[in-house]
Amino acid sequence: MAKFDPDVVLEFYANAWPTEEGVRDLRSWVRGQWIPFDADARSQFLGYPLVLEEGQECEYGQRRNRADGLDEEAIAQLLCIPGQDFSRTAAGRRVRIMRTNMTTLTQTWMTLLLSNHNSDLPLPKCQLVYAFLTWMSIHVAQLIADAIYLFAGMPPTRHPLDPNKSNRALGFPALITGLCQSFGVPVTPSKVIRPPITRAFIEKYCTPRQV
């Protein structure tokens, strides 16, 4: 069962705050050691799951950045149970898929991508799940680096009952613990991330409910 070091992860995020506006410095200072978390560092740590030439994009990045984008009709057909679709704005723009409208497989992937298995899935995450399920090449290391950078720059949100605590889950705690350890930072993985995603977990949390 995966564990992480909460003290190391907290220090990583506390010191990964961007020092200057507009400066994208993807590294943090943890216990006397600089820890880079750019795509190259992440890719090396993950064993180079995808090797790209300089300037080359993965298929997911190419499709997402094209003018016609990813086919939202196809996404809805693959991710939703029959007869369901995205929730839309008053103007008709697709914004998210409600958890109750997702297939079991979509809900399982959502659990991997989000910290809360009871969440709905916003359009960008729907696009990512669609890319996984259709076997597009995806530069996972770049996605993780971008997500950590955005997470580190967010202002803290306070817990509604305890103002001294944050209400935001830590992003990628096991990966950060492992990355810090790979750069020589002593770690003590002591906190379990969450229960493993087993068949019992999927049947309990990821199966569409009968109405």
N, C-alpha and C. Protein backbone atom coordinates (compact mmCIF):
# COMPACT_ATOMS: atom_id res chain seq x y z
N MET A 1 0.85 -1.19 0.00
CA MET A 1 0.00 0.00 0.00
C MET A 1 0.89 1.24 0.00
N ALA A 2 0.66 2.17 -0.92
CA ALA A 2 1.52 3.34 -1.08
C ALA A 2 1.43 4.27 0.13
N LYS A 3 2.59 4.76 0.56
CA LYS A 3 2.65 5.71 1.66
C LYS A 3 3.49 6.91 1.23
N PHE A 4 3.38 8.01 1.97
CA PHE A 4 4.20 9.18 1.70
C PHE A 4 4.62 9.83 3.01
N ASP A 5 5.58 10.74 2.90
CA ASP A 5 6.07 11.47 4.05
C ASP A 5 5.38 12.83 4.08
N PRO A 6 4.39 13.05 4.96
CA PRO A 6 3.64 14.32 4.93
C PRO A 6 4.49 15.54 5.22
N ASP A 7 5.51 15.40 6.07
CA ASP A 7 6.36 16.55 6.39
C ASP A 7 7.19 16.97 5.17
N VAL A 8 7.73 16.00 4.46
CA VAL A 8 8.52 16.30 3.27
C VAL A 8 7.64 16.92 2.19
N VAL A 9 6.44 16.39 2.01
CA VAL A 9 5.54 16.91 0.98
C VAL A 9 5.11 18.33 1.32
N LEU A 10 4.81 18.60 2.58
CA LEU A 10 4.44 19.95 3.00
C LEU A 10 5.58 20.93 2.77
N GLU A 11 6.82 20.52 3.11
CA GLU A 11 7.97 21.40 2.90
C GLU A 11 8.20 21.64 1.41
N PHE A 12 8.01 20.60 0.61
CA PHE A 12 8.16 20.74 -0.85
C PHE A 12 7.21 21.81 -1.37
N TYR A 13 5.93 21.72 -1.01
CA TYR A 13 4.97 22.68 -1.54
C TYR A 13 5.16 24.07 -0.95
N ALA A 14 5.58 24.14 0.31
CA ALA A 14 5.81 25.45 0.93
C ALA A 14 6.92 26.20 0.22
N ASN A 15 7.92 25.48 -0.28
CA ASN A 15 9.08 26.12 -0.90
C ASN A 15 9.05 26.09 -2.42
N ALA A 16 7.97 25.56 -2.98
CA ALA A 16 7.82 25.55 -4.44
C ALA A 16 7.03 26.75 -4.93
N TRP A 17 6.63 27.62 -4.02
CA TRP A 17 5.87 28.81 -4.39
C TRP A 17 6.68 29.67 -5.37
N PRO A 18 6.12 30.08 -6.49
CA PRO A 18 6.88 30.89 -7.46
C PRO A 18 7.46 32.14 -6.81
N THR A 19 8.75 32.37 -7.00
CA THR A 19 9.42 33.49 -6.35
C THR A 19 9.13 34.82 -7.04
N GLU A 20 8.90 34.80 -8.34
CA GLU A 20 8.61 36.02 -9.09
C GLU A 20 7.45 35.76 -10.04
N GLU A 21 6.62 36.76 -10.21
CA GLU A 21 5.49 36.62 -11.12
C GLU A 21 5.99 36.42 -12.54
N GLY A 22 5.46 35.42 -13.19
CA GLY A 22 5.85 35.14 -14.57
C GLY A 22 7.09 34.29 -14.72
N VAL A 23 7.78 33.98 -13.61
CA VAL A 23 8.97 33.15 -13.66
C VAL A 23 8.58 31.71 -13.34
N ARG A 24 8.81 30.82 -14.27
CA ARG A 24 8.42 29.41 -14.11
C ARG A 24 9.64 28.62 -13.63
N ASP A 25 9.91 28.66 -12.35
CA ASP A 25 11.06 27.99 -11.75
C ASP A 25 10.57 26.68 -11.13
N LEU A 26 10.72 25.58 -11.85
CA LEU A 26 10.15 24.31 -11.42
C LEU A 26 11.13 23.54 -10.54
N ARG A 27 11.29 24.05 -9.33
CA ARG A 27 12.11 23.37 -8.34
C ARG A 27 11.70 23.84 -6.95
N SER A 28 12.06 23.05 -5.95
CA SER A 28 11.74 23.40 -4.58
C SER A 28 12.95 23.09 -3.69
N TRP A 29 13.00 23.75 -2.54
CA TRP A 29 14.10 23.58 -1.60
C TRP A 29 13.59 22.73 -0.44
N VAL A 30 14.12 21.50 -0.32
CA VAL A 30 13.65 20.57 0.70
C VAL A 30 14.83 20.06 1.51
N ARG A 31 14.88 20.44 2.78
CA ARG A 31 15.90 19.96 3.71
C ARG A 31 17.32 20.10 3.16
N GLY A 32 17.58 21.32 2.66
CA GLY A 32 18.92 21.64 2.19
C GLY A 32 19.26 21.14 0.80
N GLN A 33 18.26 20.76 0.03
CA GLN A 33 18.51 20.20 -1.29
C GLN A 33 17.51 20.75 -2.30
N TRP A 34 18.01 21.21 -3.46
CA TRP A 34 17.10 21.61 -4.53
C TRP A 34 16.51 20.37 -5.18
N ILE A 35 15.19 20.39 -5.34
CA ILE A 35 14.47 19.28 -5.95
C ILE A 35 13.79 19.80 -7.22
N PRO A 36 14.32 19.50 -8.41
CA PRO A 36 13.64 19.92 -9.64
C PRO A 36 12.41 19.06 -9.88
N PHE A 37 11.34 19.68 -10.38
CA PHE A 37 10.16 18.89 -10.72
C PHE A 37 9.66 19.22 -12.12
N ASP A 38 10.58 19.67 -12.98
CA ASP A 38 10.23 19.91 -14.37
C ASP A 38 9.98 18.58 -15.09
N ALA A 39 9.55 18.65 -16.33
CA ALA A 39 9.19 17.43 -17.06
C ALA A 39 10.38 16.49 -17.22
N ASP A 40 11.58 17.03 -17.43
CA ASP A 40 12.76 16.17 -17.60
C ASP A 40 13.06 15.40 -16.32
N ALA A 41 13.01 16.11 -15.18
CA ALA A 41 13.28 15.45 -13.90
C ALA A 41 12.22 14.39 -13.60
N ARG A 42 10.96 14.74 -13.88
CA ARG A 42 9.88 13.78 -13.66
C ARG A 42 10.01 12.57 -14.59
N SER A 43 10.36 12.83 -15.84
CA SER A 43 10.49 11.74 -16.80
C SER A 43 11.61 10.79 -16.40
N GLN A 44 12.73 11.35 -15.95
CA GLN A 44 13.84 10.51 -15.50
C GLN A 44 13.42 9.67 -14.29
N PHE A 45 12.71 10.29 -13.35
CA PHE A 45 12.27 9.57 -12.16
C PHE A 45 11.31 8.44 -12.51
N LEU A 46 10.46 8.67 -13.51
CA LEU A 46 9.46 7.67 -13.90
C LEU A 46 10.00 6.62 -14.87
N GLY A 47 11.28 6.75 -15.22
CA GLY A 47 11.88 5.76 -16.12
C GLY A 47 11.65 6.05 -17.59
N TYR A 48 11.50 7.33 -17.94
CA TYR A 48 11.30 7.77 -19.33
C TYR A 48 10.16 7.00 -20.02
N PRO A 49 8.92 7.19 -19.53
CA PRO A 49 7.78 6.47 -20.13
C PRO A 49 7.48 6.90 -21.56
N LEU A 50 7.88 8.12 -21.92
CA LEU A 50 7.66 8.60 -23.29
C LEU A 50 8.83 9.48 -23.68
N VAL A 51 9.50 9.12 -24.75
CA VAL A 51 10.66 9.89 -25.23
C VAL A 51 10.24 10.68 -26.46
N LEU A 52 10.40 12.01 -26.39
CA LEU A 52 10.04 12.88 -27.50
C LEU A 52 11.27 13.63 -27.99
N GLU A 53 11.29 13.92 -29.27
CA GLU A 53 12.34 14.77 -29.82
C GLU A 53 12.10 16.22 -29.39
N GLU A 54 13.14 17.05 -29.46
CA GLU A 54 13.00 18.45 -29.08
C GLU A 54 11.92 19.12 -29.94
N GLY A 55 10.97 19.76 -29.28
CA GLY A 55 9.89 20.44 -29.96
C GLY A 55 8.72 19.53 -30.33
N GLN A 56 8.87 18.24 -30.12
CA GLN A 56 7.81 17.30 -30.47
C GLN A 56 6.77 17.24 -29.36
N GLU A 57 5.52 17.10 -29.72
CA GLU A 57 4.43 16.97 -28.77
C GLU A 57 3.87 15.56 -28.79
N CYS A 58 3.31 15.14 -27.65
CA CYS A 58 2.61 13.87 -27.63
C CYS A 58 1.30 14.01 -28.41
N GLU A 59 0.67 12.88 -28.74
CA GLU A 59 -0.55 12.94 -29.54
C GLU A 59 -1.65 13.69 -28.80
N TYR A 60 -1.73 13.49 -27.47
CA TYR A 60 -2.75 14.18 -26.68
C TYR A 60 -2.56 15.69 -26.75
N GLY A 61 -1.32 16.15 -26.63
CA GLY A 61 -1.05 17.58 -26.72
C GLY A 61 -1.38 18.14 -28.09
N GLN A 62 -1.04 17.39 -29.13
CA GLN A 62 -1.34 17.83 -30.48
C GLN A 62 -2.84 17.95 -30.71
N ARG A 63 -3.59 16.93 -30.30
CA ARG A 63 -5.04 16.93 -30.51
C ARG A 63 -5.71 18.04 -29.70
N ARG A 64 -5.24 18.23 -28.47
CA ARG A 64 -5.85 19.24 -27.60
C ARG A 64 -5.61 20.65 -28.11
N ASN A 65 -4.47 20.87 -28.77
CA ASN A 65 -4.11 22.21 -29.22
C ASN A 65 -4.57 22.52 -30.64
N ARG A 66 -5.15 21.54 -31.32
CA ARG A 66 -5.65 21.80 -32.66
C ARG A 66 -6.89 22.67 -32.61
N ALA A 67 -7.16 23.38 -33.70
CA ALA A 67 -8.31 24.28 -33.74
C ALA A 67 -9.62 23.53 -33.52
N ASP A 68 -9.72 22.32 -34.08
CA ASP A 68 -10.96 21.57 -33.91
C ASP A 68 -10.97 20.77 -32.61
N GLY A 69 -9.83 20.73 -31.90
CA GLY A 69 -9.78 20.11 -30.59
C GLY A 69 -10.14 18.63 -30.60
N LEU A 70 -10.58 18.16 -29.43
CA LEU A 70 -11.02 16.78 -29.28
C LEU A 70 -12.54 16.72 -29.45
N ASP A 71 -13.01 15.66 -30.04
CA ASP A 71 -14.42 15.50 -30.37
C ASP A 71 -15.24 15.28 -29.10
N GLU A 72 -16.00 16.30 -28.69
CA GLU A 72 -16.74 16.21 -27.44
C GLU A 72 -17.89 15.22 -27.53
N GLU A 73 -18.44 15.05 -28.71
CA GLU A 73 -19.49 14.04 -28.90
C GLU A 73 -18.92 12.65 -28.64
N ALA A 74 -17.73 12.39 -29.19
CA ALA A 74 -17.09 11.10 -29.01
C ALA A 74 -16.72 10.88 -27.54
N ILE A 75 -16.29 11.95 -26.89
CA ILE A 75 -15.94 11.85 -25.47
C ILE A 75 -17.16 11.46 -24.65
N ALA A 76 -18.28 12.12 -24.91
CA ALA A 76 -19.51 11.83 -24.17
C ALA A 76 -19.96 10.39 -24.40
N GLN A 77 -19.87 9.91 -25.64
CA GLN A 77 -20.30 8.55 -25.95
C GLN A 77 -19.44 7.51 -25.23
N LEU A 78 -18.14 7.80 -25.07
CA LEU A 78 -17.23 6.84 -24.46
C LEU A 78 -17.29 6.89 -22.94
N LEU A 79 -17.43 8.10 -22.36
CA LEU A 79 -17.32 8.26 -20.91
C LEU A 79 -18.65 8.15 -20.18
N CYS A 80 -19.75 8.38 -20.87
CA CYS A 80 -21.07 8.40 -20.20
C CYS A 80 -21.80 7.08 -20.38
N ILE A 81 -22.68 6.79 -19.43
CA ILE A 81 -23.58 5.67 -19.60
C ILE A 81 -24.56 6.02 -20.73
N PRO A 82 -25.16 5.02 -21.37
CA PRO A 82 -26.04 5.30 -22.51
C PRO A 82 -27.14 6.31 -22.17
N GLY A 83 -27.33 7.26 -23.09
CA GLY A 83 -28.38 8.26 -22.93
C GLY A 83 -27.98 9.49 -22.15
N GLN A 84 -26.75 9.53 -21.63
CA GLN A 84 -26.31 10.68 -20.83
C GLN A 84 -25.26 11.50 -21.59
N ASP A 85 -25.01 12.71 -21.11
CA ASP A 85 -24.11 13.63 -21.81
C ASP A 85 -23.46 14.55 -20.77
N PHE A 86 -22.67 15.48 -21.25
CA PHE A 86 -22.10 16.52 -20.41
C PHE A 86 -23.20 17.38 -19.80
N SER A 87 -22.91 17.98 -18.64
CA SER A 87 -23.71 19.11 -18.18
C SER A 87 -23.27 20.33 -18.97
N ARG A 88 -24.20 21.22 -19.26
CA ARG A 88 -23.92 22.35 -20.13
C ARG A 88 -24.28 23.67 -19.45
N THR A 89 -23.67 24.73 -19.96
CA THR A 89 -24.03 26.07 -19.51
C THR A 89 -25.33 26.48 -20.19
N ALA A 90 -25.86 27.63 -19.79
CA ALA A 90 -27.09 28.13 -20.41
C ALA A 90 -26.89 28.36 -21.90
N ALA A 91 -25.65 28.64 -22.30
CA ALA A 91 -25.35 28.87 -23.72
C ALA A 91 -25.11 27.56 -24.47
N GLY A 92 -25.15 26.43 -23.77
CA GLY A 92 -24.99 25.14 -24.43
C GLY A 92 -23.58 24.61 -24.45
N ARG A 93 -22.64 25.27 -23.77
CA ARG A 93 -21.25 24.80 -23.77
C ARG A 93 -21.08 23.66 -22.78
N ARG A 94 -20.45 22.59 -23.21
CA ARG A 94 -20.19 21.46 -22.33
C ARG A 94 -19.15 21.84 -21.28
N VAL A 95 -19.42 21.49 -20.01
CA VAL A 95 -18.49 21.90 -18.95
C VAL A 95 -18.01 20.73 -18.10
N ARG A 96 -18.83 19.70 -17.88
CA ARG A 96 -18.41 18.59 -17.03
C ARG A 96 -19.36 17.42 -17.20
N ILE A 97 -18.89 16.25 -16.76
CA ILE A 97 -19.75 15.07 -16.69
C ILE A 97 -20.01 14.77 -15.23
N MET A 98 -21.25 14.66 -14.86
CA MET A 98 -21.62 14.34 -13.49
C MET A 98 -21.24 12.90 -13.19
N ARG A 99 -20.84 12.66 -11.96
CA ARG A 99 -20.40 11.31 -11.59
C ARG A 99 -21.50 10.28 -11.84
N THR A 100 -22.74 10.66 -11.58
CA THR A 100 -23.85 9.72 -11.75
C THR A 100 -24.09 9.36 -13.21
N ASN A 101 -23.50 10.11 -14.14
CA ASN A 101 -23.67 9.83 -15.57
C ASN A 101 -22.48 9.09 -16.18
N MET A 102 -21.48 8.76 -15.36
CA MET A 102 -20.27 8.12 -15.87
C MET A 102 -20.37 6.60 -15.86
N THR A 103 -19.67 5.98 -16.80
CA THR A 103 -19.51 4.53 -16.76
C THR A 103 -18.61 4.14 -15.59
N THR A 104 -18.59 2.86 -15.28
CA THR A 104 -17.71 2.36 -14.22
C THR A 104 -16.25 2.65 -14.55
N LEU A 105 -15.85 2.44 -15.80
CA LEU A 105 -14.46 2.67 -16.18
C LEU A 105 -14.09 4.15 -16.04
N THR A 106 -14.99 5.05 -16.43
CA THR A 106 -14.72 6.48 -16.27
C THR A 106 -14.57 6.85 -14.80
N GLN A 107 -15.45 6.33 -13.96
CA GLN A 107 -15.35 6.62 -12.54
C GLN A 107 -14.05 6.09 -11.94
N THR A 108 -13.58 4.96 -12.43
CA THR A 108 -12.32 4.41 -11.94
C THR A 108 -11.15 5.31 -12.31
N TRP A 109 -11.14 5.77 -13.58
CA TRP A 109 -10.08 6.69 -14.00
C TRP A 109 -10.18 8.01 -13.24
N MET A 110 -11.38 8.48 -12.98
CA MET A 110 -11.56 9.71 -12.22
C MET A 110 -10.93 9.58 -10.83
N THR A 111 -11.07 8.40 -10.21
CA THR A 111 -10.49 8.17 -8.90
C THR A 111 -8.98 8.28 -8.95
N LEU A 112 -8.39 7.84 -10.07
CA LEU A 112 -6.94 7.94 -10.23
C LEU A 112 -6.49 9.39 -10.43
N LEU A 113 -7.33 10.20 -11.10
CA LEU A 113 -6.94 11.56 -11.45
C LEU A 113 -7.25 12.58 -10.36
N LEU A 114 -8.31 12.34 -9.59
CA LEU A 114 -8.76 13.30 -8.59
C LEU A 114 -8.63 12.71 -7.20
N SER A 115 -8.58 13.58 -6.19
CA SER A 115 -8.44 13.11 -4.82
C SER A 115 -9.76 12.70 -4.21
N ASN A 116 -10.86 13.05 -4.86
CA ASN A 116 -12.18 12.76 -4.31
C ASN A 116 -12.97 11.93 -5.31
N HIS A 117 -13.26 10.67 -4.94
CA HIS A 117 -13.96 9.80 -5.87
C HIS A 117 -15.44 10.16 -6.02
N ASN A 118 -15.92 11.13 -5.25
CA ASN A 118 -17.30 11.57 -5.38
C ASN A 118 -17.43 12.82 -6.26
N SER A 119 -16.34 13.22 -6.89
CA SER A 119 -16.35 14.44 -7.69
C SER A 119 -17.01 14.22 -9.04
N ASP A 120 -17.37 15.33 -9.69
CA ASP A 120 -17.71 15.31 -11.10
C ASP A 120 -16.43 15.55 -11.89
N LEU A 121 -16.49 15.35 -13.20
CA LEU A 121 -15.28 15.43 -14.01
C LEU A 121 -15.36 16.61 -14.96
N PRO A 122 -14.53 17.66 -14.75
CA PRO A 122 -14.57 18.81 -15.66
C PRO A 122 -14.05 18.45 -17.04
N LEU A 123 -14.41 19.27 -18.02
CA LEU A 123 -14.10 18.98 -19.41
C LEU A 123 -12.62 18.65 -19.65
N PRO A 124 -11.64 19.44 -19.13
CA PRO A 124 -10.24 19.08 -19.41
C PRO A 124 -9.87 17.69 -18.92
N LYS A 125 -10.40 17.30 -17.77
CA LYS A 125 -10.11 15.95 -17.26
C LYS A 125 -10.85 14.89 -18.09
N CYS A 126 -12.03 15.23 -18.59
CA CYS A 126 -12.74 14.32 -19.51
C CYS A 126 -11.90 14.06 -20.75
N GLN A 127 -11.28 15.13 -21.27
CA GLN A 127 -10.43 14.98 -22.44
C GLN A 127 -9.24 14.06 -22.14
N LEU A 128 -8.68 14.18 -20.94
CA LEU A 128 -7.54 13.36 -20.56
C LEU A 128 -7.95 11.89 -20.41
N VAL A 129 -9.07 11.63 -19.76
CA VAL A 129 -9.55 10.26 -19.64
C VAL A 129 -9.81 9.66 -21.02
N TYR A 130 -10.41 10.45 -21.90
CA TYR A 130 -10.66 10.00 -23.27
C TYR A 130 -9.35 9.63 -23.97
N ALA A 131 -8.31 10.43 -23.74
CA ALA A 131 -7.01 10.15 -24.35
C ALA A 131 -6.44 8.83 -23.83
N PHE A 132 -6.57 8.60 -22.53
CA PHE A 132 -6.11 7.33 -21.96
C PHE A 132 -6.86 6.15 -22.58
N LEU A 133 -8.18 6.27 -22.66
CA LEU A 133 -9.00 5.15 -23.10
C LEU A 133 -8.88 4.88 -24.59
N THR A 134 -8.43 5.86 -25.36
CA THR A 134 -8.25 5.66 -26.80
C THR A 134 -6.77 5.48 -27.17
N TRP A 135 -5.95 5.27 -26.16
CA TRP A 135 -4.54 4.91 -26.35
C TRP A 135 -3.73 5.98 -27.08
N MET A 136 -4.03 7.23 -26.82
CA MET A 136 -3.17 8.30 -27.34
C MET A 136 -1.86 8.32 -26.56
N SER A 137 -0.78 8.73 -27.22
CA SER A 137 0.46 8.95 -26.47
C SER A 137 0.29 10.21 -25.62
N ILE A 138 0.74 10.14 -24.36
CA ILE A 138 0.55 11.23 -23.41
C ILE A 138 1.85 11.48 -22.67
N HIS A 139 2.29 12.71 -22.65
CA HIS A 139 3.52 13.08 -21.92
C HIS A 139 3.15 13.27 -20.45
N VAL A 140 3.06 12.15 -19.73
CA VAL A 140 2.59 12.18 -18.35
C VAL A 140 3.50 13.04 -17.47
N ALA A 141 4.80 12.97 -17.68
CA ALA A 141 5.73 13.75 -16.87
C ALA A 141 5.46 15.25 -16.99
N GLN A 142 5.13 15.71 -18.20
CA GLN A 142 4.81 17.13 -18.39
C GLN A 142 3.51 17.49 -17.70
N LEU A 143 2.51 16.62 -17.78
CA LEU A 143 1.24 16.88 -17.11
C LEU A 143 1.43 17.00 -15.60
N ILE A 144 2.24 16.12 -15.03
CA ILE A 144 2.48 16.15 -13.59
C ILE A 144 3.22 17.43 -13.21
N ALA A 145 4.25 17.78 -13.98
CA ALA A 145 5.01 18.99 -13.68
C ALA A 145 4.12 20.23 -13.74
N ASP A 146 3.26 20.31 -14.75
CA ASP A 146 2.34 21.45 -14.87
C ASP A 146 1.37 21.49 -13.70
N ALA A 147 0.85 20.32 -13.32
CA ALA A 147 -0.12 20.26 -12.22
C ALA A 147 0.50 20.68 -10.90
N ILE A 148 1.74 20.23 -10.64
CA ILE A 148 2.41 20.62 -9.39
C ILE A 148 2.67 22.12 -9.37
N TYR A 149 3.10 22.67 -10.51
CA TYR A 149 3.36 24.11 -10.58
C TYR A 149 2.09 24.91 -10.30
N LEU A 150 0.97 24.51 -10.89
CA LEU A 150 -0.29 25.21 -10.66
C LEU A 150 -0.74 25.04 -9.20
N PHE A 151 -0.58 23.84 -8.68
CA PHE A 151 -0.98 23.57 -7.30
C PHE A 151 -0.16 24.42 -6.33
N ALA A 152 1.16 24.52 -6.58
CA ALA A 152 2.02 25.28 -5.69
C ALA A 152 1.69 26.77 -5.69
N GLY A 153 1.17 27.28 -6.79
CA GLY A 153 0.85 28.70 -6.89
C GLY A 153 -0.52 29.08 -6.40
N MET A 154 -1.34 28.09 -6.02
CA MET A 154 -2.68 28.40 -5.54
C MET A 154 -2.65 28.92 -4.11
N PRO A 155 -3.46 29.93 -3.80
CA PRO A 155 -3.55 30.38 -2.41
C PRO A 155 -4.22 29.29 -1.57
N PRO A 156 -3.83 29.17 -0.31
CA PRO A 156 -4.42 28.12 0.53
C PRO A 156 -5.89 28.37 0.80
N THR A 157 -6.62 27.28 0.96
CA THR A 157 -8.03 27.37 1.36
C THR A 157 -8.14 26.80 2.76
N ARG A 158 -8.85 27.48 3.63
CA ARG A 158 -8.92 27.08 5.03
C ARG A 158 -10.03 26.07 5.27
N HIS A 159 -9.75 25.16 6.19
CA HIS A 159 -10.73 24.17 6.59
C HIS A 159 -11.92 24.88 7.25
N PRO A 160 -13.16 24.49 6.93
CA PRO A 160 -14.32 25.21 7.47
C PRO A 160 -14.47 25.12 8.98
N LEU A 161 -13.87 24.08 9.59
CA LEU A 161 -14.01 23.91 11.05
C LEU A 161 -12.74 24.28 11.82
N ASP A 162 -11.58 24.19 11.17
CA ASP A 162 -10.32 24.49 11.84
C ASP A 162 -9.53 25.47 10.97
N PRO A 163 -9.50 26.76 11.31
CA PRO A 163 -8.83 27.77 10.47
C PRO A 163 -7.32 27.58 10.37
N ASN A 164 -6.74 26.74 11.24
CA ASN A 164 -5.30 26.50 11.19
C ASN A 164 -4.93 25.39 10.21
N LYS A 165 -5.93 24.76 9.61
CA LYS A 165 -5.69 23.69 8.66
C LYS A 165 -6.11 24.09 7.25
N SER A 166 -5.46 23.48 6.27
CA SER A 166 -5.84 23.71 4.89
C SER A 166 -6.93 22.73 4.49
N ASN A 167 -7.78 23.16 3.57
CA ASN A 167 -8.86 22.30 3.09
C ASN A 167 -8.51 21.67 1.74
N ARG A 168 -7.24 21.78 1.31
CA ARG A 168 -6.84 21.27 0.00
C ARG A 168 -5.98 20.02 0.17
N ALA A 169 -6.29 18.99 -0.60
CA ALA A 169 -5.50 17.76 -0.57
C ALA A 169 -4.13 18.01 -1.20
N LEU A 170 -3.12 17.30 -0.73
CA LEU A 170 -1.79 17.41 -1.29
C LEU A 170 -1.72 16.65 -2.61
N GLY A 171 -1.18 17.30 -3.64
CA GLY A 171 -1.10 16.66 -4.95
C GLY A 171 0.14 15.80 -5.09
N PHE A 172 0.00 14.61 -5.62
CA PHE A 172 1.09 13.69 -5.93
C PHE A 172 2.02 13.42 -4.74
N PRO A 173 1.48 13.13 -3.57
CA PRO A 173 2.34 13.01 -2.38
C PRO A 173 3.36 11.88 -2.47
N ALA A 174 2.97 10.71 -3.00
CA ALA A 174 3.92 9.60 -3.09
C ALA A 174 5.01 9.89 -4.12
N LEU A 175 4.63 10.48 -5.25
CA LEU A 175 5.63 10.84 -6.27
C LEU A 175 6.62 11.86 -5.73
N ILE A 176 6.13 12.85 -5.00
CA ILE A 176 7.02 13.88 -4.44
C ILE A 176 7.93 13.27 -3.39
N THR A 177 7.39 12.40 -2.56
CA THR A 177 8.23 11.71 -1.56
C THR A 177 9.33 10.94 -2.25
N GLY A 178 8.98 10.18 -3.29
CA GLY A 178 9.97 9.40 -4.01
C GLY A 178 10.98 10.26 -4.74
N LEU A 179 10.52 11.37 -5.34
CA LEU A 179 11.43 12.27 -6.05
C LEU A 179 12.43 12.88 -5.07
N CYS A 180 11.96 13.35 -3.93
CA CYS A 180 12.87 13.92 -2.93
C CYS A 180 13.88 12.89 -2.46
N GLN A 181 13.42 11.66 -2.24
CA GLN A 181 14.33 10.60 -1.81
C GLN A 181 15.39 10.32 -2.87
N SER A 182 15.01 10.39 -4.15
CA SER A 182 15.98 10.12 -5.22
C SER A 182 17.08 11.17 -5.28
N PHE A 183 16.83 12.36 -4.70
CA PHE A 183 17.85 13.41 -4.64
C PHE A 183 18.55 13.44 -3.29
N GLY A 184 18.41 12.40 -2.51
CA GLY A 184 19.15 12.27 -1.26
C GLY A 184 18.47 12.80 -0.02
N VAL A 185 17.22 13.23 -0.14
CA VAL A 185 16.49 13.73 1.03
C VAL A 185 16.01 12.53 1.85
N PRO A 186 16.34 12.48 3.16
CA PRO A 186 15.82 11.38 3.98
C PRO A 186 14.32 11.51 4.16
N VAL A 187 13.60 10.44 3.93
CA VAL A 187 12.14 10.48 4.03
C VAL A 187 11.67 9.35 4.96
N THR A 188 10.51 9.57 5.53
CA THR A 188 9.86 8.56 6.37
C THR A 188 8.42 8.40 5.90
N PRO A 189 8.19 7.56 4.90
CA PRO A 189 6.82 7.36 4.41
C PRO A 189 5.96 6.72 5.50
N SER A 190 5.03 7.48 6.03
CA SER A 190 4.26 7.00 7.18
C SER A 190 2.76 7.11 6.99
N LYS A 191 2.32 7.87 6.00
CA LYS A 191 0.89 8.10 5.83
C LYS A 191 0.40 7.41 4.56
N VAL A 192 -0.64 6.62 4.70
CA VAL A 192 -1.22 5.92 3.57
C VAL A 192 -2.04 6.90 2.73
N ILE A 193 -1.88 6.82 1.41
CA ILE A 193 -2.60 7.74 0.53
C ILE A 193 -4.09 7.52 0.62
N ARG A 194 -4.54 6.33 0.35
CA ARG A 194 -5.95 5.95 0.43
C ARG A 194 -6.03 4.46 0.15
N PRO A 195 -7.18 3.85 0.33
CA PRO A 195 -7.29 2.41 0.05
C PRO A 195 -6.96 2.13 -1.41
N PRO A 196 -6.38 0.96 -1.69
CA PRO A 196 -6.07 0.61 -3.09
C PRO A 196 -7.35 0.44 -3.89
N ILE A 197 -7.23 0.66 -5.20
CA ILE A 197 -8.39 0.53 -6.08
C ILE A 197 -8.53 -0.94 -6.46
N THR A 198 -9.31 -1.66 -5.67
CA THR A 198 -9.55 -3.08 -5.88
C THR A 198 -10.93 -3.28 -6.51
N ARG A 199 -11.25 -4.53 -6.82
CA ARG A 199 -12.58 -4.82 -7.36
C ARG A 199 -13.67 -4.38 -6.37
N ALA A 200 -13.42 -4.62 -5.07
CA ALA A 200 -14.41 -4.23 -4.06
C ALA A 200 -14.58 -2.71 -4.03
N PHE A 201 -13.48 -1.97 -4.16
CA PHE A 201 -13.55 -0.51 -4.19
C PHE A 201 -14.36 -0.04 -5.40
N ILE A 202 -14.07 -0.64 -6.56
CA ILE A 202 -14.78 -0.24 -7.78
C ILE A 202 -16.27 -0.53 -7.66
N GLU A 203 -16.62 -1.71 -7.13
CA GLU A 203 -18.04 -2.06 -6.99
C GLU A 203 -18.75 -1.12 -6.03
N LYS A 204 -18.04 -0.65 -5.00
CA LYS A 204 -18.66 0.22 -4.00
C LYS A 204 -18.77 1.66 -4.47
N TYR A 205 -17.71 2.17 -5.11
CA TYR A 205 -17.65 3.60 -5.40
C TYR A 205 -17.76 3.97 -6.88
N CYS A 206 -17.55 3.02 -7.79
CA CYS A 206 -17.43 3.38 -9.20
C CYS A 206 -18.51 2.76 -10.09
N THR A 207 -19.47 2.11 -9.49
CA THR A 207 -20.53 1.47 -10.26
C THR A 207 -21.74 2.39 -10.35
N PRO A 208 -22.23 2.68 -11.56
CA PRO A 208 -23.42 3.54 -11.68
C PRO A 208 -24.58 2.97 -10.88
N ARG A 209 -25.26 3.84 -10.15
CA ARG A 209 -26.37 3.41 -9.32
C ARG A 209 -27.64 3.30 -10.15
N GLN A 210 -28.41 2.30 -9.87
CA GLN A 210 -29.69 2.13 -10.54
C GLN A 210 -30.72 3.11 -9.95
N VAL A 211 -31.42 3.82 -10.81
CA VAL A 211 -32.41 4.80 -10.36
C VAL A 211 -33.78 4.14 -10.30
